[in-house]
Amino acid sequence: MTAWPAVLAAGALSVALRLLPLILLSTGPPPAWLRRVGALIAPVVFASLASAAVAAAMVSRGVGGAAPEALAAATALAIGRISGRRWLSVSAGLVVLVGLTVTPGA
């Protein structure tokens, strides 16, 4: 038996998961609950990515090794709270992360 049936089924499910919301929401305006929840999607995604980076660094390098990722996440949070701009928050976090992890001359 080959793996093709499983690959094709996974591909079909992946396409269905992407198309179903498009099809359902293209018929009219989105419901009120979806508009309220939609504003929270980006902060939740950013928080999950930052926490995953810190957790991965802690596992691979120990608790002290996660300092650059944790400091970058804290910077992004602070800039986001002060400015209210997501792009500025992410940019500041990336600048801090790159500044702390890139070795000069490497």
PDB file of N, CA and C in Angstrom:
ATOM      1  N   MET A   1       0.838  -1.176   0.000  1.00  0.00           N
ATOM      2  CA  MET A   1       0.000   0.000   0.000  1.00  0.00           C
ATOM      3  C   MET A   1       0.886   1.243   0.000  1.00  0.00           C
ATOM      4  N   THR A   2       0.503   2.221  -0.795  1.00  0.00           N
ATOM      5  CA  THR A   2       1.299   3.442  -0.888  1.00  0.00           C
ATOM      6  C   THR A   2       0.733   4.532   0.019  1.00  0.00           C
ATOM      7  N   ALA A   3       1.480   5.589   0.103  1.00  0.00           N
ATOM      8  CA  ALA A   3       1.065   6.712   0.926  1.00  0.00           C
ATOM      9  C   ALA A   3       0.215   7.715   0.140  1.00  0.00           C
ATOM     10  N   TRP A   4       0.010   7.464  -1.150  1.00  0.00           N
ATOM     11  CA  TRP A   4      -0.724   8.421  -1.978  1.00  0.00           C
ATOM     12  C   TRP A   4      -2.145   8.696  -1.502  1.00  0.00           C
ATOM     13  N   PRO A   5      -2.909   7.706  -1.084  1.00  0.00           N
ATOM     14  CA  PRO A   5      -4.254   8.042  -0.598  1.00  0.00           C
ATOM     15  C   PRO A   5      -4.235   9.003   0.596  1.00  0.00           C
ATOM     16  N   ALA A   6      -3.300   8.808   1.500  1.00  0.00           N
ATOM     17  CA  ALA A   6      -3.198   9.704   2.652  1.00  0.00           C
ATOM     18  C   ALA A   6      -2.756  11.097   2.223  1.00  0.00           C
ATOM     19  N   VAL A   7      -1.828  11.176   1.282  1.00  0.00           N
ATOM     20  CA  VAL A   7      -1.359  12.474   0.793  1.00  0.00           C
ATOM     21  C   VAL A   7      -2.487  13.209   0.085  1.00  0.00           C
ATOM     22  N   LEU A   8      -3.238  12.511  -0.763  1.00  0.00           N
ATOM     23  CA  LEU A   8      -4.349  13.134  -1.476  1.00  0.00           C
ATOM     24  C   LEU A   8      -5.455  13.566  -0.518  1.00  0.00           C
ATOM     25  N   ALA A   9      -5.756  12.754   0.477  1.00  0.00           N
ATOM     26  CA  ALA A   9      -6.782  13.116   1.457  1.00  0.00           C
ATOM     27  C   ALA A   9      -6.347  14.336   2.268  1.00  0.00           C
ATOM     28  N   ALA A  10      -5.086  14.386   2.668  1.00  0.00           N
ATOM     29  CA  ALA A  10      -4.583  15.541   3.423  1.00  0.00           C
ATOM     30  C   ALA A  10      -4.624  16.801   2.566  1.00  0.00           C
ATOM     31  N   GLY A  11      -4.277  16.669   1.295  1.00  0.00           N
ATOM     32  CA  GLY A  11      -4.341  17.816   0.386  1.00  0.00           C
ATOM     33  C   GLY A  11      -5.766  18.308   0.197  1.00  0.00           C
ATOM     34  N   ALA A  12      -6.706  17.384   0.024  1.00  0.00           N
ATOM     35  CA  ALA A  12      -8.112  17.768  -0.146  1.00  0.00           C
ATOM     36  C   ALA A  12      -8.648  18.438   1.114  1.00  0.00           C
ATOM     37  N   LEU A  13      -8.297  17.924   2.257  1.00  0.00           N
ATOM     38  CA  LEU A  13      -8.734  18.529   3.516  1.00  0.00           C
ATOM     39  C   LEU A  13      -8.125  19.921   3.696  1.00  0.00           C
ATOM     40  N   SER A  14      -6.873  20.075   3.321  1.00  0.00           N
ATOM     41  CA  SER A  14      -6.211  21.369   3.431  1.00  0.00           C
ATOM     42  C   SER A  14      -6.893  22.405   2.532  1.00  0.00           C
ATOM     43  N   VAL A  15      -7.210  22.008   1.315  1.00  0.00           N
ATOM     44  CA  VAL A  15      -7.899  22.925   0.399  1.00  0.00           C
ATOM     45  C   VAL A  15      -9.293  23.258   0.932  1.00  0.00           C
ATOM     46  N   ALA A  16      -9.995  22.264   1.448  1.00  0.00           N
ATOM     47  CA  ALA A  16     -11.340  22.493   1.987  1.00  0.00           C
ATOM     48  C   ALA A  16     -11.304  23.447   3.175  1.00  0.00           C
ATOM     49  N   LEU A  17     -10.303  23.306   4.042  1.00  0.00           N
ATOM     50  CA  LEU A  17     -10.197  24.201   5.195  1.00  0.00           C
ATOM     51  C   LEU A  17      -9.923  25.639   4.786  1.00  0.00           C
ATOM     52  N   ARG A  18      -9.291  25.834   3.640  1.00  0.00           N
ATOM     53  CA  ARG A  18      -9.027  27.189   3.164  1.00  0.00           C
ATOM     54  C   ARG A  18     -10.200  27.770   2.388  1.00  0.00           C
ATOM     55  N   LEU A  19     -10.897  26.932   1.638  1.00  0.00           N
ATOM     56  CA  LEU A  19     -11.979  27.423   0.795  1.00  0.00           C
ATOM     57  C   LEU A  19     -13.310  27.573   1.526  1.00  0.00           C
ATOM     58  N   LEU A  20     -13.570  26.733   2.499  1.00  0.00           N
ATOM     59  CA  LEU A  20     -14.862  26.769   3.179  1.00  0.00           C
ATOM     60  C   LEU A  20     -15.165  28.130   3.818  1.00  0.00           C
ATOM     61  N   PRO A  21     -14.244  28.725   4.572  1.00  0.00           N
ATOM     62  CA  PRO A  21     -14.547  30.054   5.114  1.00  0.00           C
ATOM     63  C   PRO A  21     -14.764  31.102   4.026  1.00  0.00           C
ATOM     64  N   LEU A  22     -13.995  31.006   2.959  1.00  0.00           N
ATOM     65  CA  LEU A  22     -14.178  31.941   1.848  1.00  0.00           C
ATOM     66  C   LEU A  22     -15.566  31.817   1.238  1.00  0.00           C
ATOM     67  N   ILE A  23     -15.995  30.601   1.033  1.00  0.00           N
ATOM     68  CA  ILE A  23     -17.304  30.370   0.428  1.00  0.00           C
ATOM     69  C   ILE A  23     -18.417  30.830   1.367  1.00  0.00           C
ATOM     70  N   LEU A  24     -18.306  30.509   2.640  1.00  0.00           N
ATOM     71  CA  LEU A  24     -19.342  30.873   3.597  1.00  0.00           C
ATOM     72  C   LEU A  24     -19.432  32.375   3.823  1.00  0.00           C
ATOM     73  N   LEU A  25     -18.287  33.069   3.824  1.00  0.00           N
ATOM     74  CA  LEU A  25     -18.290  34.495   4.127  1.00  0.00           C
ATOM     75  C   LEU A  25     -18.440  35.378   2.895  1.00  0.00           C
ATOM     76  N   SER A  26     -18.380  34.795   1.703  1.00  0.00           N
ATOM     77  CA  SER A  26     -18.499  35.612   0.498  1.00  0.00           C
ATOM     78  C   SER A  26     -19.957  35.902   0.140  1.00  0.00           C
ATOM     79  N   THR A  27     -20.888  35.281   0.815  1.00  0.00           N
ATOM     80  CA  THR A  27     -22.296  35.474   0.480  1.00  0.00           C
ATOM     81  C   THR A  27     -22.893  36.725   1.104  1.00  0.00           C
ATOM     82  N   GLY A  28     -22.255  37.314   2.068  1.00  0.00           N
ATOM     83  CA  GLY A  28     -22.802  38.508   2.718  1.00  0.00           C
ATOM     84  C   GLY A  28     -21.837  39.041   3.745  1.00  0.00           C
ATOM     85  N   PRO A  29     -22.277  40.003   4.541  1.00  0.00           N
ATOM     86  CA  PRO A  29     -21.379  40.559   5.561  1.00  0.00           C
ATOM     87  C   PRO A  29     -21.099  39.525   6.658  1.00  0.00           C
ATOM     88  N   PRO A  30     -19.905  39.621   7.243  1.00  0.00           N
ATOM     89  CA  PRO A  30     -19.588  38.665   8.309  1.00  0.00           C
ATOM     90  C   PRO A  30     -20.445  38.925   9.544  1.00  0.00           C
ATOM     91  N   PRO A  31     -20.678  37.892  10.334  1.00  0.00           N
ATOM     92  CA  PRO A  31     -21.446  38.081  11.564  1.00  0.00           C
ATOM     93  C   PRO A  31     -20.709  38.994  12.548  1.00  0.00           C
ATOM     94  N   ALA A  32     -21.462  39.575  13.470  1.00  0.00           N
ATOM     95  CA  ALA A  32     -20.882  40.516  14.431  1.00  0.00           C
ATOM     96  C   ALA A  32     -19.824  39.861  15.313  1.00  0.00           C
ATOM     97  N   TRP A  33     -20.044  38.610  15.720  1.00  0.00           N
ATOM     98  CA  TRP A  33     -19.067  37.945  16.576  1.00  0.00           C
ATOM     99  C   TRP A  33     -17.741  37.757  15.859  1.00  0.00           C
ATOM    100  N   LEU A  34     -17.786  37.543  14.542  1.00  0.00           N
ATOM    101  CA  LEU A  34     -16.550  37.357  13.784  1.00  0.00           C
ATOM    102  C   LEU A  34     -15.787  38.674  13.660  1.00  0.00           C
ATOM    103  N   ARG A  35     -16.491  39.779  13.533  1.00  0.00           N
ATOM    104  CA  ARG A  35     -15.821  41.083  13.478  1.00  0.00           C
ATOM    105  C   ARG A  35     -15.150  41.390  14.815  1.00  0.00           C
ATOM    106  N   ARG A  36     -15.791  41.042  15.921  1.00  0.00           N
ATOM    107  CA  ARG A  36     -15.193  41.295  17.240  1.00  0.00           C
ATOM    108  C   ARG A  36     -13.955  40.421  17.446  1.00  0.00           C
ATOM    109  N   VAL A  37     -14.045  39.167  17.062  1.00  0.00           N
ATOM    110  CA  VAL A  37     -12.925  38.237  17.247  1.00  0.00           C
ATOM    111  C   VAL A  37     -11.792  38.557  16.277  1.00  0.00           C
ATOM    112  N   GLY A  38     -12.127  39.066  15.100  1.00  0.00           N
ATOM    113  CA  GLY A  38     -11.126  39.366  14.087  1.00  0.00           C
ATOM    114  C   GLY A  38     -10.071  40.347  14.552  1.00  0.00           C
ATOM    115  N   ALA A  39     -10.438  41.262  15.415  1.00  0.00           N
ATOM    116  CA  ALA A  39      -9.468  42.241  15.921  1.00  0.00           C
ATOM    117  C   ALA A  39      -8.428  41.602  16.832  1.00  0.00           C
ATOM    118  N   LEU A  40      -8.726  40.438  17.355  1.00  0.00           N
ATOM    119  CA  LEU A  40      -7.801  39.782  18.286  1.00  0.00           C
ATOM    120  C   LEU A  40      -6.884  38.761  17.618  1.00  0.00           C
ATOM    121  N   ILE A  41      -7.099  38.484  16.350  1.00  0.00           N
ATOM    122  CA  ILE A  41      -6.342  37.418  15.692  1.00  0.00           C
ATOM    123  C   ILE A  41      -4.855  37.747  15.613  1.00  0.00           C
ATOM    124  N   ALA A  42      -4.503  38.939  15.143  1.00  0.00           N
ATOM    125  CA  ALA A  42      -3.088  39.286  14.987  1.00  0.00           C
ATOM    126  C   ALA A  42      -2.330  39.270  16.317  1.00  0.00           C
ATOM    127  N   PRO A  43      -2.836  39.877  17.395  1.00  0.00           N
ATOM    128  CA  PRO A  43      -2.085  39.801  18.654  1.00  0.00           C
ATOM    129  C   PRO A  43      -1.911  38.369  19.165  1.00  0.00           C
ATOM    130  N   VAL A  44      -2.906  37.540  18.970  1.00  0.00           N
ATOM    131  CA  VAL A  44      -2.799  36.153  19.428  1.00  0.00           C
ATOM    132  C   VAL A  44      -1.752  35.404  18.610  1.00  0.00           C
ATOM    133  N   VAL A  45      -1.715  35.634  17.309  1.00  0.00           N
ATOM    134  CA  VAL A  45      -0.718  34.976  16.460  1.00  0.00           C
ATOM    135  C   VAL A  45       0.684  35.432  16.848  1.00  0.00           C
ATOM    136  N   PHE A  46       0.875  36.743  17.031  1.00  0.00           N
ATOM    137  CA  PHE A  46       2.194  37.236  17.425  1.00  0.00           C
ATOM    138  C   PHE A  46       2.625  36.673  18.775  1.00  0.00           C
ATOM    139  N   ALA A  47       1.712  36.609  19.719  1.00  0.00           N
ATOM    140  CA  ALA A  47       2.042  36.065  21.039  1.00  0.00           C
ATOM    141  C   ALA A  47       2.413  34.593  20.956  1.00  0.00           C
ATOM    142  N   SER A  48       1.705  33.838  20.140  1.00  0.00           N
ATOM    143  CA  SER A  48       2.026  32.411  20.029  1.00  0.00           C
ATOM    144  C   SER A  48       3.375  32.199  19.356  1.00  0.00           C
ATOM    145  N   LEU A  49       3.691  33.009  18.346  1.00  0.00           N
ATOM    146  CA  LEU A  49       5.002  32.884  17.702  1.00  0.00           C
ATOM    147  C   LEU A  49       6.125  33.260  18.658  1.00  0.00           C
ATOM    148  N   ALA A  50       5.935  34.320  19.423  1.00  0.00           N
ATOM    149  CA  ALA A  50       6.970  34.743  20.368  1.00  0.00           C
ATOM    150  C   ALA A  50       7.165  33.713  21.468  1.00  0.00           C
ATOM    151  N   SER A  51       6.071  33.181  22.004  1.00  0.00           N
ATOM    152  CA  SER A  51       6.208  32.188  23.077  1.00  0.00           C
ATOM    153  C   SER A  51       6.820  30.897  22.553  1.00  0.00           C
ATOM    154  N   ALA A  52       6.519  30.531  21.312  1.00  0.00           N
ATOM    155  CA  ALA A  52       7.137  29.333  20.734  1.00  0.00           C
ATOM    156  C   ALA A  52       8.635  29.529  20.547  1.00  0.00           C
ATOM    157  N   ALA A  53       9.052  30.729  20.144  1.00  0.00           N
ATOM    158  CA  ALA A  53      10.482  30.998  19.978  1.00  0.00           C
ATOM    159  C   ALA A  53      11.210  30.953  21.313  1.00  0.00           C
ATOM    160  N   VAL A  54      10.603  31.534  22.345  1.00  0.00           N
ATOM    161  CA  VAL A  54      11.226  31.516  23.672  1.00  0.00           C
ATOM    162  C   VAL A  54      11.293  30.088  24.207  1.00  0.00           C
ATOM    163  N   ALA A  55      10.224  29.326  24.040  1.00  0.00           N
ATOM    164  CA  ALA A  55      10.216  27.939  24.526  1.00  0.00           C
ATOM    165  C   ALA A  55      11.243  27.092  23.793  1.00  0.00           C
ATOM    166  N   ALA A  56      11.362  27.259  22.485  1.00  0.00           N
ATOM    167  CA  ALA A  56      12.352  26.491  21.722  1.00  0.00           C
ATOM    168  C   ALA A  56      13.770  26.846  22.143  1.00  0.00           C
ATOM    169  N   ALA A  57      14.002  28.130  22.401  1.00  0.00           N
ATOM    170  CA  ALA A  57      15.331  28.544  22.855  1.00  0.00           C
ATOM    171  C   ALA A  57      15.632  27.989  24.236  1.00  0.00           C
ATOM    172  N   MET A  58      14.629  27.942  25.100  1.00  0.00           N
ATOM    173  CA  MET A  58      14.846  27.393  26.442  1.00  0.00           C
ATOM    174  C   MET A  58      15.162  25.906  26.382  1.00  0.00           C
ATOM    175  N   VAL A  59      14.501  25.194  25.490  1.00  0.00           N
ATOM    176  CA  VAL A  59      14.745  23.753  25.371  1.00  0.00           C
ATOM    177  C   VAL A  59      16.129  23.486  24.803  1.00  0.00           C
ATOM    178  N   SER A  60      16.521  24.242  23.775  1.00  0.00           N
ATOM    179  CA  SER A  60      17.786  23.947  23.119  1.00  0.00           C
ATOM    180  C   SER A  60      18.999  24.554  23.827  1.00  0.00           C
ATOM    181  N   ARG A  61      18.835  25.733  24.446  1.00  0.00           N
ATOM    182  CA  ARG A  61      19.989  26.403  25.043  1.00  0.00           C
ATOM    183  C   ARG A  61      19.890  26.602  26.541  1.00  0.00           C
ATOM    184  N   GLY A  62      18.836  26.157  27.155  1.00  0.00           N
ATOM    185  CA  GLY A  62      18.662  26.360  28.587  1.00  0.00           C
ATOM    186  C   GLY A  62      17.932  27.663  28.858  1.00  0.00           C
ATOM    187  N   VAL A  63      17.576  27.873  30.111  1.00  0.00           N
ATOM    188  CA  VAL A  63      16.775  29.039  30.482  1.00  0.00           C
ATOM    189  C   VAL A  63      17.515  30.339  30.166  1.00  0.00           C
ATOM    190  N   GLY A  64      18.783  30.412  30.463  1.00  0.00           N
ATOM    191  CA  GLY A  64      19.548  31.628  30.192  1.00  0.00           C
ATOM    192  C   GLY A  64      19.754  31.882  28.714  1.00  0.00           C
ATOM    193  N   GLY A  65      19.720  30.840  27.913  1.00  0.00           N
ATOM    194  CA  GLY A  65      19.916  30.987  26.475  1.00  0.00           C
ATOM    195  C   GLY A  65      18.740  31.608  25.762  1.00  0.00           C
ATOM    196  N   ALA A  66      17.614  31.691  26.437  1.00  0.00           N
ATOM    197  CA  ALA A  66      16.415  32.259  25.822  1.00  0.00           C
ATOM    198  C   ALA A  66      16.324  33.770  26.018  1.00  0.00           C
ATOM    199  N   ALA A  67      17.362  34.380  26.568  1.00  0.00           N
ATOM    200  CA  ALA A  67      17.313  35.807  26.851  1.00  0.00           C
ATOM    201  C   ALA A  67      17.077  36.665  25.605  1.00  0.00           C
ATOM    202  N   PRO A  68      17.752  36.418  24.473  1.00  0.00           N
ATOM    203  CA  PRO A  68      17.489  37.270  23.307  1.00  0.00           C
ATOM    204  C   PRO A  68      16.036  37.206  22.836  1.00  0.00           C
ATOM    205  N   GLU A  69      15.479  36.005  22.770  1.00  0.00           N
ATOM    206  CA  GLU A  69      14.096  35.859  22.326  1.00  0.00           C
ATOM    207  C   GLU A  69      13.127  36.497  23.312  1.00  0.00           C
ATOM    208  N   ALA A  70      13.382  36.287  24.608  1.00  0.00           N
ATOM    209  CA  ALA A  70      12.500  36.868  25.626  1.00  0.00           C
ATOM    210  C   ALA A  70      12.583  38.394  25.618  1.00  0.00           C
ATOM    211  N   LEU A  71      13.772  38.938  25.447  1.00  0.00           N
ATOM    212  CA  LEU A  71      13.930  40.390  25.399  1.00  0.00           C
ATOM    213  C   LEU A  71      13.275  40.968  24.147  1.00  0.00           C
ATOM    214  N   ALA A  72      13.387  40.265  23.029  1.00  0.00           N
ATOM    215  CA  ALA A  72      12.741  40.724  21.796  1.00  0.00           C
ATOM    216  C   ALA A  72      11.222  40.709  21.946  1.00  0.00           C
ATOM    217  N   ALA A  73      10.691  39.669  22.564  1.00  0.00           N
ATOM    218  CA  ALA A  73       9.243  39.591  22.779  1.00  0.00           C
ATOM    219  C   ALA A  73       8.780  40.687  23.730  1.00  0.00           C
ATOM    220  N   ALA A  74       9.541  40.945  24.781  1.00  0.00           N
ATOM    221  CA  ALA A  74       9.179  42.014  25.722  1.00  0.00           C
ATOM    222  C   ALA A  74       9.248  43.385  25.054  1.00  0.00           C
ATOM    223  N   THR A  75      10.239  43.592  24.188  1.00  0.00           N
ATOM    224  CA  THR A  75      10.345  44.854  23.457  1.00  0.00           C
ATOM    225  C   THR A  75       9.161  45.034  22.529  1.00  0.00           C
ATOM    226  N   ALA A  76       8.814  43.969  21.803  1.00  0.00           N
ATOM    227  CA  ALA A  76       7.667  44.047  20.894  1.00  0.00           C
ATOM    228  C   ALA A  76       6.383  44.346  21.658  1.00  0.00           C
ATOM    229  N   LEU A  77       6.222  43.737  22.814  1.00  0.00           N
ATOM    230  CA  LEU A  77       5.037  43.994  23.629  1.00  0.00           C
ATOM    231  C   LEU A  77       4.993  45.443  24.103  1.00  0.00           C
ATOM    232  N   ALA A  78       6.122  45.931  24.587  1.00  0.00           N
ATOM    233  CA  ALA A  78       6.164  47.311  25.090  1.00  0.00           C
ATOM    234  C   ALA A  78       5.902  48.319  23.972  1.00  0.00           C
ATOM    235  N   ILE A  79       6.533  48.140  22.837  1.00  0.00           N
ATOM    236  CA  ILE A  79       6.337  49.064  21.712  1.00  0.00           C
ATOM    237  C   ILE A  79       4.898  48.984  21.216  1.00  0.00           C
ATOM    238  N   GLY A  80       4.346  47.782  21.197  1.00  0.00           N
ATOM    239  CA  GLY A  80       2.958  47.626  20.773  1.00  0.00           C
ATOM    240  C   GLY A  80       1.982  48.315  21.706  1.00  0.00           C
ATOM    241  N   ARG A  81       2.234  48.225  23.010  1.00  0.00           N
ATOM    242  CA  ARG A  81       1.352  48.885  23.987  1.00  0.00           C
ATOM    243  C   ARG A  81       1.483  50.403  23.909  1.00  0.00           C
ATOM    244  N   ILE A  82       2.701  50.887  23.693  1.00  0.00           N
ATOM    245  CA  ILE A  82       2.919  52.328  23.647  1.00  0.00           C
ATOM    246  C   ILE A  82       2.379  52.932  22.348  1.00  0.00           C
ATOM    247  N   SER A  83       2.716  52.311  21.224  1.00  0.00           N
ATOM    248  CA  SER A  83       2.374  52.915  19.933  1.00  0.00           C
ATOM    249  C   SER A  83       1.021  52.461  19.387  1.00  0.00           C
ATOM    250  N   GLY A  84       0.647  51.241  19.691  1.00  0.00           N
ATOM    251  CA  GLY A  84      -0.588  50.703  19.131  1.00  0.00           C
ATOM    252  C   GLY A  84      -0.447  50.267  17.687  1.00  0.00           C
ATOM    253  N   ARG A  85       0.745  50.264  17.156  1.00  0.00           N
ATOM    254  CA  ARG A  85       0.983  49.882  15.762  1.00  0.00           C
ATOM    255  C   ARG A  85       1.647  48.511  15.718  1.00  0.00           C
ATOM    256  N   ARG A  86       0.993  47.568  15.055  1.00  0.00           N
ATOM    257  CA  ARG A  86       1.524  46.205  14.999  1.00  0.00           C
ATOM    258  C   ARG A  86       2.831  46.131  14.228  1.00  0.00           C
ATOM    259  N   TRP A  87       2.910  46.831  13.113  1.00  0.00           N
ATOM    260  CA  TRP A  87       4.111  46.756  12.291  1.00  0.00           C
ATOM    261  C   TRP A  87       5.320  47.293  13.041  1.00  0.00           C
ATOM    262  N   LEU A  88       5.126  48.336  13.832  1.00  0.00           N
ATOM    263  CA  LEU A  88       6.223  48.901  14.606  1.00  0.00           C
ATOM    264  C   LEU A  88       6.636  47.949  15.725  1.00  0.00           C
ATOM    265  N   SER A  89       5.659  47.297  16.311  1.00  0.00           N
ATOM    266  CA  SER A  89       5.933  46.336  17.373  1.00  0.00           C
ATOM    267  C   SER A  89       6.768  45.168  16.852  1.00  0.00           C
ATOM    268  N   VAL A  90       6.344  44.593  15.730  1.00  0.00           N
ATOM    269  CA  VAL A  90       7.077  43.461  15.151  1.00  0.00           C
ATOM    270  C   VAL A  90       8.457  43.892  14.687  1.00  0.00           C
ATOM    271  N   SER A  91       8.549  45.067  14.067  1.00  0.00           N
ATOM    272  CA  SER A  91       9.845  45.558  13.597  1.00  0.00           C
ATOM    273  C   SER A  91      10.815  45.768  14.757  1.00  0.00           C
ATOM    274  N   ALA A  92      10.339  46.350  15.832  1.00  0.00           N
ATOM    275  CA  ALA A  92      11.208  46.574  16.992  1.00  0.00           C
ATOM    276  C   ALA A  92      11.670  45.248  17.588  1.00  0.00           C
ATOM    277  N   GLY A  93      10.769  44.289  17.688  1.00  0.00           N
ATOM    278  CA  GLY A  93      11.155  42.983  18.206  1.00  0.00           C
ATOM    279  C   GLY A  93      12.193  42.301  17.339  1.00  0.00           C
ATOM    280  N   LEU A  94      12.031  42.402  16.020  1.00  0.00           N
ATOM    281  CA  LEU A  94      13.005  41.793  15.111  1.00  0.00           C
ATOM    282  C   LEU A  94      14.362  42.484  15.193  1.00  0.00           C
ATOM    283  N   VAL A  95      14.352  43.801  15.306  1.00  0.00           N
ATOM    284  CA  VAL A  95      15.621  44.528  15.423  1.00  0.00           C
ATOM    285  C   VAL A  95      16.362  44.104  16.686  1.00  0.00           C
ATOM    286  N   VAL A  96      15.645  43.986  17.785  1.00  0.00           N
ATOM    287  CA  VAL A  96      16.279  43.563  19.041  1.00  0.00           C
ATOM    288  C   VAL A  96      16.794  42.137  18.917  1.00  0.00           C
ATOM    289  N   LEU A  97      15.985  41.247  18.346  1.00  0.00           N
ATOM    290  CA  LEU A  97      16.408  39.852  18.213  1.00  0.00           C
ATOM    291  C   LEU A  97      17.648  39.728  17.333  1.00  0.00           C
ATOM    292  N   VAL A  98      17.641  40.400  16.197  1.00  0.00           N
ATOM    293  CA  VAL A  98      18.806  40.335  15.300  1.00  0.00           C
ATOM    294  C   VAL A  98      20.022  40.977  15.964  1.00  0.00           C
ATOM    295  N   GLY A  99      19.803  42.086  16.632  1.00  0.00           N
ATOM    296  CA  GLY A  99      20.923  42.757  17.294  1.00  0.00           C
ATOM    297  C   GLY A  99      21.560  41.916  18.389  1.00  0.00           C
ATOM    298  N   LEU A 100      20.777  41.097  19.055  1.00  0.00           N
ATOM    299  CA  LEU A 100      21.324  40.279  20.139  1.00  0.00           C
ATOM    300  C   LEU A 100      21.863  38.933  19.690  1.00  0.00           C
ATOM    301  N   THR A 101      21.457  38.467  18.500  1.00  0.00           N
ATOM    302  CA  THR A 101      21.859  37.120  18.089  1.00  0.00           C
ATOM    303  C   THR A 101      22.878  37.080  16.961  1.00  0.00           C
ATOM    304  N   VAL A 102      22.962  38.118  16.155  1.00  0.00           N
ATOM    305  CA  VAL A 102      23.907  38.125  15.043  1.00  0.00           C
ATOM    306  C   VAL A 102      25.293  38.449  15.571  1.00  0.00           C
ATOM    307  N   THR A 103      26.240  37.616  15.208  1.00  0.00           N
ATOM    308  CA  THR A 103      27.612  37.823  15.639  1.00  0.00           C
ATOM    309  C   THR A 103      28.343  38.670  14.604  1.00  0.00           C
ATOM    310  N   PRO A 104      28.923  39.802  14.998  1.00  0.00           N
ATOM    311  CA  PRO A 104      29.657  40.630  14.029  1.00  0.00           C
ATOM    312  C   PRO A 104      30.841  39.878  13.454  1.00  0.00           C
ATOM    313  N   GLY A 105      31.041  40.013  12.162  1.00  0.00           N
ATOM    314  CA  GLY A 105      32.174  39.385  11.512  1.00  0.00           C
ATOM    315  C   GLY A 105      31.996  37.926  11.210  1.00  0.00           C
ATOM    316  N   ALA A 106      30.823  37.384  11.479  1.00  0.00           N
ATOM    317  CA  ALA A 106      30.611  35.945  11.233  1.00  0.00           C
ATOM    318  C   ALA A 106      30.123  35.701   9.828  1.00  0.00           C
TER     319      ALA A 106
END
